[in-house]
Amino acid sequence: MSDIRLSRTHNLTPEQQEEALSALIEYLVNTLGATIEQSEGRVAFAGAGYKGQVSFDHLTVEGDLRLSMMMKPLKAVISREIGKVLDQYLGVT
């Protein structure tokens, strides 16, 4: 069961989807120190206090995030920030 679940429609080409996943992986690994498991159109990740996954299909991007007990008080802030970045990257106004 997810603590945070986000879903957005998009108009990204397959190449843009791959670029987005690559940028996400770079951020997760280099900034948050996450471990990554990648398959086509999907990235699963885990780090200190969280684990989740992000997946693209031809119309939507979906993400699920589970938070540790220590991170749960930050759920609203984390959800809002992820949503803002996702909307910005996907061109949602």
PDB file of N, CA and C in Angstrom:
ATOM      1  N   MET A   1       0.842  -1.182   0.000  1.00  0.00           N
ATOM      2  CA  MET A   1       0.000   0.000   0.000  1.00  0.00           C
ATOM      3  C   MET A   1       0.883   1.239   0.000  1.00  0.00           C
ATOM      4  N   SER A   2       0.583   2.161  -0.894  1.00  0.00           N
ATOM      5  CA  SER A   2       1.380   3.370  -1.051  1.00  0.00           C
ATOM      6  C   SER A   2       0.972   4.440  -0.050  1.00  0.00           C
ATOM      7  N   ASP A   3       1.970   5.216   0.361  1.00  0.00           N
ATOM      8  CA  ASP A   3       1.692   6.401   1.154  1.00  0.00           C
ATOM      9  C   ASP A   3       1.391   7.576   0.240  1.00  0.00           C
ATOM     10  N   ILE A   4       2.077   7.622  -0.893  1.00  0.00           N
ATOM     11  CA  ILE A   4       1.877   8.678  -1.881  1.00  0.00           C
ATOM     12  C   ILE A   4       1.715   7.994  -3.237  1.00  0.00           C
ATOM     13  N   ARG A   5       0.669   8.380  -3.943  1.00  0.00           N
ATOM     14  CA  ARG A   5       0.429   7.843  -5.287  1.00  0.00           C
ATOM     15  C   ARG A   5       0.087   9.022  -6.187  1.00  0.00           C
ATOM     16  N   LEU A   6       0.837   9.172  -7.264  1.00  0.00           N
ATOM     17  CA  LEU A   6       0.603  10.254  -8.211  1.00  0.00           C
ATOM     18  C   LEU A   6       0.441   9.679  -9.607  1.00  0.00           C
ATOM     19  N   SER A   7      -0.415  10.309 -10.391  1.00  0.00           N
ATOM     20  CA  SER A   7      -0.629   9.894 -11.763  1.00  0.00           C
ATOM     21  C   SER A   7      -0.901  11.147 -12.590  1.00  0.00           C
ATOM     22  N   ARG A   8      -0.267  11.207 -13.754  1.00  0.00           N
ATOM     23  CA  ARG A   8      -0.460  12.328 -14.660  1.00  0.00           C
ATOM     24  C   ARG A   8      -0.501  11.799 -16.090  1.00  0.00           C
ATOM     25  N   THR A   9      -1.272  12.479 -16.942  1.00  0.00           N
ATOM     26  CA  THR A   9      -1.207  12.188 -18.367  1.00  0.00           C
ATOM     27  C   THR A   9      -0.036  12.973 -18.947  1.00  0.00           C
ATOM     28  N   HIS A  10       0.448  12.536 -20.102  1.00  0.00           N
ATOM     29  CA  HIS A  10       1.560  13.235 -20.731  1.00  0.00           C
ATOM     30  C   HIS A  10       1.483  13.093 -22.248  1.00  0.00           C
ATOM     31  N   ASN A  11       2.280  13.910 -22.921  1.00  0.00           N
ATOM     32  CA  ASN A  11       2.403  13.862 -24.375  1.00  0.00           C
ATOM     33  C   ASN A  11       3.849  13.612 -24.779  1.00  0.00           C
ATOM     34  N   LEU A  12       4.608  12.947 -23.942  1.00  0.00           N
ATOM     35  CA  LEU A  12       6.018  12.717 -24.218  1.00  0.00           C
ATOM     36  C   LEU A  12       6.199  11.601 -25.240  1.00  0.00           C
ATOM     37  N   THR A  13       7.192  11.791 -26.092  1.00  0.00           N
ATOM     38  CA  THR A  13       7.564  10.739 -27.028  1.00  0.00           C
ATOM     39  C   THR A  13       8.286   9.641 -26.245  1.00  0.00           C
ATOM     40  N   PRO A  14       8.443   8.465 -26.825  1.00  0.00           N
ATOM     41  CA  PRO A  14       9.213   7.420 -26.138  1.00  0.00           C
ATOM     42  C   PRO A  14      10.630   7.880 -25.776  1.00  0.00           C
ATOM     43  N   GLU A  15      11.256   8.661 -26.638  1.00  0.00           N
ATOM     44  CA  GLU A  15      12.593   9.172 -26.348  1.00  0.00           C
ATOM     45  C   GLU A  15      12.564  10.121 -25.148  1.00  0.00           C
ATOM     46  N   GLN A  16      11.559  10.983 -25.086  1.00  0.00           N
ATOM     47  CA  GLN A  16      11.425  11.906 -23.959  1.00  0.00           C
ATOM     48  C   GLN A  16      11.126  11.150 -22.662  1.00  0.00           C
ATOM     49  N   GLN A  17      10.369  10.068 -22.769  1.00  0.00           N
ATOM     50  CA  GLN A  17      10.099   9.249 -21.590  1.00  0.00           C
ATOM     51  C   GLN A  17      11.390   8.657 -21.052  1.00  0.00           C
ATOM     52  N   GLU A  18      12.239   8.146 -21.946  1.00  0.00           N
ATOM     53  CA  GLU A  18      13.530   7.584 -21.534  1.00  0.00           C
ATOM     54  C   GLU A  18      14.417   8.655 -20.914  1.00  0.00           C
ATOM     55  N   GLU A  19      14.406   9.863 -21.485  1.00  0.00           N
ATOM     56  CA  GLU A  19      15.174  10.975 -20.920  1.00  0.00           C
ATOM     57  C   GLU A  19      14.679  11.304 -19.520  1.00  0.00           C
ATOM     58  N   ALA A  20      13.359  11.309 -19.338  1.00  0.00           N
ATOM     59  CA  ALA A  20      12.786  11.605 -18.028  1.00  0.00           C
ATOM     60  C   ALA A  20      13.191  10.549 -17.006  1.00  0.00           C
ATOM     61  N   LEU A  21      13.123   9.278 -17.389  1.00  0.00           N
ATOM     62  CA  LEU A  21      13.525   8.212 -16.481  1.00  0.00           C
ATOM     63  C   LEU A  21      15.010   8.294 -16.157  1.00  0.00           C
ATOM     64  N   SER A  22      15.826   8.629 -17.146  1.00  0.00           N
ATOM     65  CA  SER A  22      17.270   8.777 -16.906  1.00  0.00           C
ATOM     66  C   SER A  22      17.550   9.914 -15.939  1.00  0.00           C
ATOM     67  N   ALA A  23      16.852  11.039 -16.110  1.00  0.00           N
ATOM     68  CA  ALA A  23      17.017  12.178 -15.194  1.00  0.00           C
ATOM     69  C   ALA A  23      16.576  11.795 -13.787  1.00  0.00           C
ATOM     70  N   LEU A  24      15.492  11.043 -13.674  1.00  0.00           N
ATOM     71  CA  LEU A  24      15.019  10.594 -12.373  1.00  0.00           C
ATOM     72  C   LEU A  24      16.050   9.682 -11.713  1.00  0.00           C
ATOM     73  N   ILE A  25      16.586   8.747 -12.470  1.00  0.00           N
ATOM     74  CA  ILE A  25      17.593   7.833 -11.929  1.00  0.00           C
ATOM     75  C   ILE A  25      18.809   8.610 -11.443  1.00  0.00           C
ATOM     76  N   GLU A  26      19.270   9.546 -12.240  1.00  0.00           N
ATOM     77  CA  GLU A  26      20.434  10.355 -11.853  1.00  0.00           C
ATOM     78  C   GLU A  26      20.167  11.089 -10.542  1.00  0.00           C
ATOM     79  N   TYR A  27      18.982  11.690 -10.416  1.00  0.00           N
ATOM     80  CA  TYR A  27      18.624  12.395  -9.189  1.00  0.00           C
ATOM     81  C   TYR A  27      18.563  11.438  -7.993  1.00  0.00           C
ATOM     82  N   LEU A  28      17.886  10.323  -8.172  1.00  0.00           N
ATOM     83  CA  LEU A  28      17.733   9.368  -7.071  1.00  0.00           C
ATOM     84  C   LEU A  28      19.071   8.837  -6.586  1.00  0.00           C
ATOM     85  N   VAL A  29      19.946   8.508  -7.517  1.00  0.00           N
ATOM     86  CA  VAL A  29      21.241   7.934  -7.157  1.00  0.00           C
ATOM     87  C   VAL A  29      22.176   8.999  -6.595  1.00  0.00           C
ATOM     88  N   ASN A  30      22.356  10.102  -7.332  1.00  0.00           N
ATOM     89  CA  ASN A  30      23.351  11.102  -6.959  1.00  0.00           C
ATOM     90  C   ASN A  30      22.928  12.013  -5.817  1.00  0.00           C
ATOM     91  N   THR A  31      21.654  12.318  -5.713  1.00  0.00           N
ATOM     92  CA  THR A  31      21.188  13.244  -4.676  1.00  0.00           C
ATOM     93  C   THR A  31      20.666  12.520  -3.443  1.00  0.00           C
ATOM     94  N   LEU A  32      19.922  11.444  -3.670  1.00  0.00           N
ATOM     95  CA  LEU A  32      19.280  10.757  -2.541  1.00  0.00           C
ATOM     96  C   LEU A  32      19.958   9.447  -2.161  1.00  0.00           C
ATOM     97  N   GLY A  33      20.940   9.013  -2.926  1.00  0.00           N
ATOM     98  CA  GLY A  33      21.651   7.775  -2.600  1.00  0.00           C
ATOM     99  C   GLY A  33      20.816   6.520  -2.715  1.00  0.00           C
ATOM    100  N   ALA A  34      19.845   6.525  -3.601  1.00  0.00           N
ATOM    101  CA  ALA A  34      18.938   5.388  -3.766  1.00  0.00           C
ATOM    102  C   ALA A  34      19.595   4.257  -4.547  1.00  0.00           C
ATOM    103  N   THR A  35      19.101   3.065  -4.309  1.00  0.00           N
ATOM    104  CA  THR A  35      19.423   1.929  -5.166  1.00  0.00           C
ATOM    105  C   THR A  35      18.307   1.816  -6.196  1.00  0.00           C
ATOM    106  N   ILE A  36      18.671   1.367  -7.383  1.00  0.00           N
ATOM    107  CA  ILE A  36      17.757   1.396  -8.520  1.00  0.00           C
ATOM    108  C   ILE A  36      17.641   0.018  -9.152  1.00  0.00           C
ATOM    109  N   GLU A  37      16.432  -0.325  -9.570  1.00  0.00           N
ATOM    110  CA  GLU A  37      16.173  -1.464 -10.455  1.00  0.00           C
ATOM    111  C   GLU A  37      15.364  -0.922 -11.611  1.00  0.00           C
ATOM    112  N   GLN A  38      15.880  -1.075 -12.816  1.00  0.00           N
ATOM    113  CA  GLN A  38      15.227  -0.504 -13.987  1.00  0.00           C
ATOM    114  C   GLN A  38      14.820  -1.584 -14.967  1.00  0.00           C
ATOM    115  N   SER A  39      13.631  -1.444 -15.509  1.00  0.00           N
ATOM    116  CA  SER A  39      13.182  -2.250 -16.630  1.00  0.00           C
ATOM    117  C   SER A  39      12.533  -1.276 -17.608  1.00  0.00           C
ATOM    118  N   GLU A  40      12.153  -1.743 -18.758  1.00  0.00           N
ATOM    119  CA  GLU A  40      11.616  -0.848 -19.781  1.00  0.00           C
ATOM    120  C   GLU A  40      10.405  -0.071 -19.268  1.00  0.00           C
ATOM    121  N   GLY A  41      10.537   1.258 -19.246  1.00  0.00           N
ATOM    122  CA  GLY A  41       9.436   2.121 -18.830  1.00  0.00           C
ATOM    123  C   GLY A  41       9.167   2.149 -17.346  1.00  0.00           C
ATOM    124  N   ARG A  42      10.044   1.548 -16.536  1.00  0.00           N
ATOM    125  CA  ARG A  42       9.783   1.461 -15.091  1.00  0.00           C
ATOM    126  C   ARG A  42      11.086   1.563 -14.313  1.00  0.00           C
ATOM    127  N   VAL A  43      11.019   2.290 -13.209  1.00  0.00           N
ATOM    128  CA  VAL A  43      12.149   2.400 -12.290  1.00  0.00           C
ATOM    129  C   VAL A  43      11.639   2.129 -10.882  1.00  0.00           C
ATOM    130  N   ALA A  44      12.247   1.152 -10.219  1.00  0.00           N
ATOM    131  CA  ALA A  44      11.978   0.898  -8.795  1.00  0.00           C
ATOM    132  C   ALA A  44      13.189   1.413  -8.036  1.00  0.00           C
ATOM    133  N   PHE A  45      12.954   2.020  -6.881  1.00  0.00           N
ATOM    134  CA  PHE A  45      14.039   2.629  -6.118  1.00  0.00           C
ATOM    135  C   PHE A  45      13.797   2.471  -4.626  1.00  0.00           C
ATOM    136  N   ALA A  46      14.889   2.549  -3.873  1.00  0.00           N
ATOM    137  CA  ALA A  46      14.790   2.477  -2.412  1.00  0.00           C
ATOM    138  C   ALA A  46      15.957   3.250  -1.820  1.00  0.00           C
ATOM    139  N   GLY A  47      15.691   3.871  -0.698  1.00  0.00           N
ATOM    140  CA  GLY A  47      16.716   4.619   0.009  1.00  0.00           C
ATOM    141  C   GLY A  47      16.353   4.698   1.479  1.00  0.00           C
ATOM    142  N   ALA A  48      17.102   5.491   2.202  1.00  0.00           N
ATOM    143  CA  ALA A  48      16.879   5.642   3.641  1.00  0.00           C
ATOM    144  C   ALA A  48      15.524   6.296   3.894  1.00  0.00           C
ATOM    145  N   GLY A  49      14.567   5.510   4.318  1.00  0.00           N
ATOM    146  CA  GLY A  49      13.258   6.035   4.684  1.00  0.00           C
ATOM    147  C   GLY A  49      12.203   6.012   3.604  1.00  0.00           C
ATOM    148  N   TYR A  50      12.494   5.451   2.459  1.00  0.00           N
ATOM    149  CA  TYR A  50      11.516   5.426   1.377  1.00  0.00           C
ATOM    150  C   TYR A  50      11.815   4.296   0.391  1.00  0.00           C
ATOM    151  N   LYS A  51      10.791   3.923  -0.345  1.00  0.00           N
ATOM    152  CA  LYS A  51      10.941   3.044  -1.498  1.00  0.00           C
ATOM    153  C   LYS A  51       9.746   3.265  -2.394  1.00  0.00           C
ATOM    154  N   GLY A  52       9.935   3.041  -3.684  1.00  0.00           N
ATOM    155  CA  GLY A  52       8.829   3.282  -4.595  1.00  0.00           C
ATOM    156  C   GLY A  52       9.147   2.871  -6.001  1.00  0.00           C
ATOM    157  N   GLN A  53       8.277   3.307  -6.901  1.00  0.00           N
ATOM    158  CA  GLN A  53       8.456   3.024  -8.311  1.00  0.00           C
ATOM    159  C   GLN A  53       7.787   4.102  -9.137  1.00  0.00           C
ATOM    160  N   VAL A  54       8.293   4.283 -10.338  1.00  0.00           N
ATOM    161  CA  VAL A  54       7.722   5.197 -11.322  1.00  0.00           C
ATOM    162  C   VAL A  54       7.647   4.436 -12.631  1.00  0.00           C
ATOM    163  N   SER A  55       6.525   4.576 -13.338  1.00  0.00           N
ATOM    164  CA  SER A  55       6.398   3.909 -14.626  1.00  0.00           C
ATOM    165  C   SER A  55       5.713   4.822 -15.630  1.00  0.00           C
ATOM    166  N   PHE A  56       6.126   4.675 -16.882  1.00  0.00           N
ATOM    167  CA  PHE A  56       5.532   5.385 -18.007  1.00  0.00           C
ATOM    168  C   PHE A  56       4.836   4.386 -18.900  1.00  0.00           C
ATOM    169  N   ASP A  57       3.708   4.782 -19.462  1.00  0.00           N
ATOM    170  CA  ASP A  57       3.182   4.111 -20.633  1.00  0.00           C
ATOM    171  C   ASP A  57       2.953   5.202 -21.665  1.00  0.00           C
ATOM    172  N   HIS A  58       2.299   4.911 -22.756  1.00  0.00           N
ATOM    173  CA  HIS A  58       2.189   5.897 -23.832  1.00  0.00           C
ATOM    174  C   HIS A  58       1.306   7.091 -23.470  1.00  0.00           C
ATOM    175  N   LEU A  59       0.509   7.014 -22.416  1.00  0.00           N
ATOM    176  CA  LEU A  59      -0.376   8.114 -22.039  1.00  0.00           C
ATOM    177  C   LEU A  59      -0.158   8.656 -20.627  1.00  0.00           C
ATOM    178  N   THR A  60       0.366   7.849 -19.729  1.00  0.00           N
ATOM    179  CA  THR A  60       0.446   8.269 -18.330  1.00  0.00           C
ATOM    180  C   THR A  60       1.807   7.981 -17.706  1.00  0.00           C
ATOM    181  N   VAL A  61       2.072   8.722 -16.661  1.00  0.00           N
ATOM    182  CA  VAL A  61       3.190   8.426 -15.773  1.00  0.00           C
ATOM    183  C   VAL A  61       2.567   8.230 -14.392  1.00  0.00           C
ATOM    184  N   GLU A  62       2.983   7.176 -13.721  1.00  0.00           N
ATOM    185  CA  GLU A  62       2.446   6.871 -12.398  1.00  0.00           C
ATOM    186  C   GLU A  62       3.588   6.613 -11.438  1.00  0.00           C
ATOM    187  N   GLY A  63       3.390   7.052 -10.211  1.00  0.00           N
ATOM    188  CA  GLY A  63       4.393   6.827  -9.188  1.00  0.00           C
ATOM    189  C   GLY A  63       3.765   6.429  -7.872  1.00  0.00           C
ATOM    190  N   ASP A  64       4.438   5.539  -7.179  1.00  0.00           N
ATOM    191  CA  ASP A  64       4.033   5.090  -5.847  1.00  0.00           C
ATOM    192  C   ASP A  64       5.227   5.248  -4.934  1.00  0.00           C
ATOM    193  N   LEU A  65       4.981   5.726  -3.730  1.00  0.00           N
ATOM    194  CA  LEU A  65       6.059   5.925  -2.772  1.00  0.00           C
ATOM    195  C   LEU A  65       5.600   5.490  -1.396  1.00  0.00           C
ATOM    196  N   ARG A  66       6.407   4.668  -0.759  1.00  0.00           N
ATOM    197  CA  ARG A  66       6.162   4.259   0.634  1.00  0.00           C
ATOM    198  C   ARG A  66       7.190   4.955   1.500  1.00  0.00           C
ATOM    199  N   LEU A  67       6.731   5.478   2.606  1.00  0.00           N
ATOM    200  CA  LEU A  67       7.589   6.214   3.526  1.00  0.00           C
ATOM    201  C   LEU A  67       7.753   5.449   4.827  1.00  0.00           C
ATOM    202  N   SER A  68       8.929   5.577   5.429  1.00  0.00           N
ATOM    203  CA  SER A  68       9.150   4.982   6.746  1.00  0.00           C
ATOM    204  C   SER A  68       8.357   5.783   7.783  1.00  0.00           C
ATOM    205  N   MET A  69       8.252   5.233   8.966  1.00  0.00           N
ATOM    206  CA  MET A  69       7.531   5.927  10.046  1.00  0.00           C
ATOM    207  C   MET A  69       8.137   7.298  10.325  1.00  0.00           C
ATOM    208  N   MET A  70       9.452   7.406  10.213  1.00  0.00           N
ATOM    209  CA  MET A  70      10.121   8.688  10.465  1.00  0.00           C
ATOM    210  C   MET A  70       9.811   9.722   9.381  1.00  0.00           C
ATOM    211  N   MET A  71       9.521   9.270   8.169  1.00  0.00           N
ATOM    212  CA  MET A  71       9.249  10.177   7.050  1.00  0.00           C
ATOM    213  C   MET A  71       7.768  10.519   6.901  1.00  0.00           C
ATOM    214  N   LYS A  72       6.892   9.732   7.500  1.00  0.00           N
ATOM    215  CA  LYS A  72       5.457   9.953   7.333  1.00  0.00           C
ATOM    216  C   LYS A  72       4.998  11.363   7.726  1.00  0.00           C
ATOM    217  N   PRO A  73       5.573  11.986   8.744  1.00  0.00           N
ATOM    218  CA  PRO A  73       5.143  13.358   9.051  1.00  0.00           C
ATOM    219  C   PRO A  73       5.415  14.355   7.914  1.00  0.00           C
ATOM    220  N   LEU A  74       6.297  14.003   7.001  1.00  0.00           N
ATOM    221  CA  LEU A  74       6.630  14.877   5.877  1.00  0.00           C
ATOM    222  C   LEU A  74       5.843  14.536   4.615  1.00  0.00           C
ATOM    223  N   LYS A  75       4.868  13.650   4.730  1.00  0.00           N
ATOM    224  CA  LYS A  75       4.129  13.156   3.577  1.00  0.00           C
ATOM    225  C   LYS A  75       3.528  14.284   2.737  1.00  0.00           C
ATOM    226  N   ALA A  76       2.880  15.250   3.335  1.00  0.00           N
ATOM    227  CA  ALA A  76       2.234  16.326   2.581  1.00  0.00           C
ATOM    228  C   ALA A  76       3.260  17.158   1.820  1.00  0.00           C
ATOM    229  N   VAL A  77       4.357  17.483   2.472  1.00  0.00           N
ATOM    230  CA  VAL A  77       5.404  18.279   1.827  1.00  0.00           C
ATOM    231  C   VAL A  77       6.023  17.501   0.676  1.00  0.00           C
ATOM    232  N   ILE A  78       6.352  16.237   0.900  1.00  0.00           N
ATOM    233  CA  ILE A  78       6.957  15.397  -0.134  1.00  0.00           C
ATOM    234  C   ILE A  78       6.005  15.258  -1.322  1.00  0.00           C
ATOM    235  N   SER A  79       4.750  14.985  -1.061  1.00  0.00           N
ATOM    236  CA  SER A  79       3.760  14.821  -2.120  1.00  0.00           C
ATOM    237  C   SER A  79       3.619  16.098  -2.942  1.00  0.00           C
ATOM    238  N   ARG A  80       3.555  17.228  -2.281  1.00  0.00           N
ATOM    239  CA  ARG A  80       3.414  18.513  -2.965  1.00  0.00           C
ATOM    240  C   ARG A  80       4.639  18.796  -3.851  1.00  0.00           C
ATOM    241  N   GLU A  81       5.823  18.556  -3.337  1.00  0.00           N
ATOM    242  CA  GLU A  81       7.044  18.820  -4.101  1.00  0.00           C
ATOM    243  C   GLU A  81       7.179  17.880  -5.296  1.00  0.00           C
ATOM    244  N   ILE A  82       6.870  16.613  -5.113  1.00  0.00           N
ATOM    245  CA  ILE A  82       6.916  15.670  -6.232  1.00  0.00           C
ATOM    246  C   ILE A  82       5.916  16.102  -7.302  1.00  0.00           C
ATOM    247  N   GLY A  83       4.720  16.469  -6.890  1.00  0.00           N
ATOM    248  CA  GLY A  83       3.692  16.917  -7.831  1.00  0.00           C
ATOM    249  C   GLY A  83       4.112  18.145  -8.615  1.00  0.00           C
ATOM    250  N   LYS A  84       4.736  19.118  -7.938  1.00  0.00           N
ATOM    251  CA  LYS A  84       5.194  20.338  -8.617  1.00  0.00           C
ATOM    252  C   LYS A  84       6.247  20.023  -9.669  1.00  0.00           C
ATOM    253  N   VAL A  85       7.227  19.211  -9.300  1.00  0.00           N
ATOM    254  CA  VAL A  85       8.288  18.867 -10.247  1.00  0.00           C
ATOM    255  C   VAL A  85       7.724  18.051 -11.412  1.00  0.00           C
ATOM    256  N   LEU A  86       6.851  17.126 -11.114  1.00  0.00           N
ATOM    257  CA  LEU A  86       6.239  16.301 -12.152  1.00  0.00           C
ATOM    258  C   LEU A  86       5.442  17.185 -13.127  1.00  0.00           C
ATOM    259  N   ASP A  87       4.633  18.089 -12.621  1.00  0.00           N
ATOM    260  CA  ASP A  87       3.858  18.984 -13.472  1.00  0.00           C
ATOM    261  C   ASP A  87       4.773  19.867 -14.309  1.00  0.00           C
ATOM    262  N   GLN A  88       5.835  20.365 -13.718  1.00  0.00           N
ATOM    263  CA  GLN A  88       6.780  21.206 -14.446  1.00  0.00           C
ATOM    264  C   GLN A  88       7.425  20.415 -15.573  1.00  0.00           C
ATOM    265  N   TYR A  89       7.887  19.224 -15.282  1.00  0.00           N
ATOM    266  CA  TYR A  89       8.575  18.409 -16.283  1.00  0.00           C
ATOM    267  C   TYR A  89       7.638  17.987 -17.401  1.00  0.00           C
ATOM    268  N   LEU A  90       6.374  17.721 -17.076  1.00  0.00           N
ATOM    269  CA  LEU A  90       5.417  17.268 -18.082  1.00  0.00           C
ATOM    270  C   LEU A  90       4.719  18.421 -18.798  1.00  0.00           C
ATOM    271  N   GLY A  91       4.994  19.667 -18.382  1.00  0.00           N
ATOM    272  CA  GLY A  91       4.402  20.823 -19.041  1.00  0.00           C
ATOM    273  C   GLY A  91       2.985  21.104 -18.610  1.00  0.00           C
ATOM    274  N   VAL A  92       2.585  20.631 -17.428  1.00  0.00           N
ATOM    275  CA  VAL A  92       1.250  20.892 -16.912  1.00  0.00           C
ATOM    276  C   VAL A  92       1.263  22.260 -16.251  1.00  0.00           C
ATOM    277  N   THR A  93       0.242  23.086 -16.533  1.00  0.00           N
ATOM    278  CA  THR A  93       0.193  24.417 -15.913  1.00  0.00           C
ATOM    279  C   THR A  93      -0.813  24.480 -14.809  1.00  0.00           C
TER     280      THR A  93
END
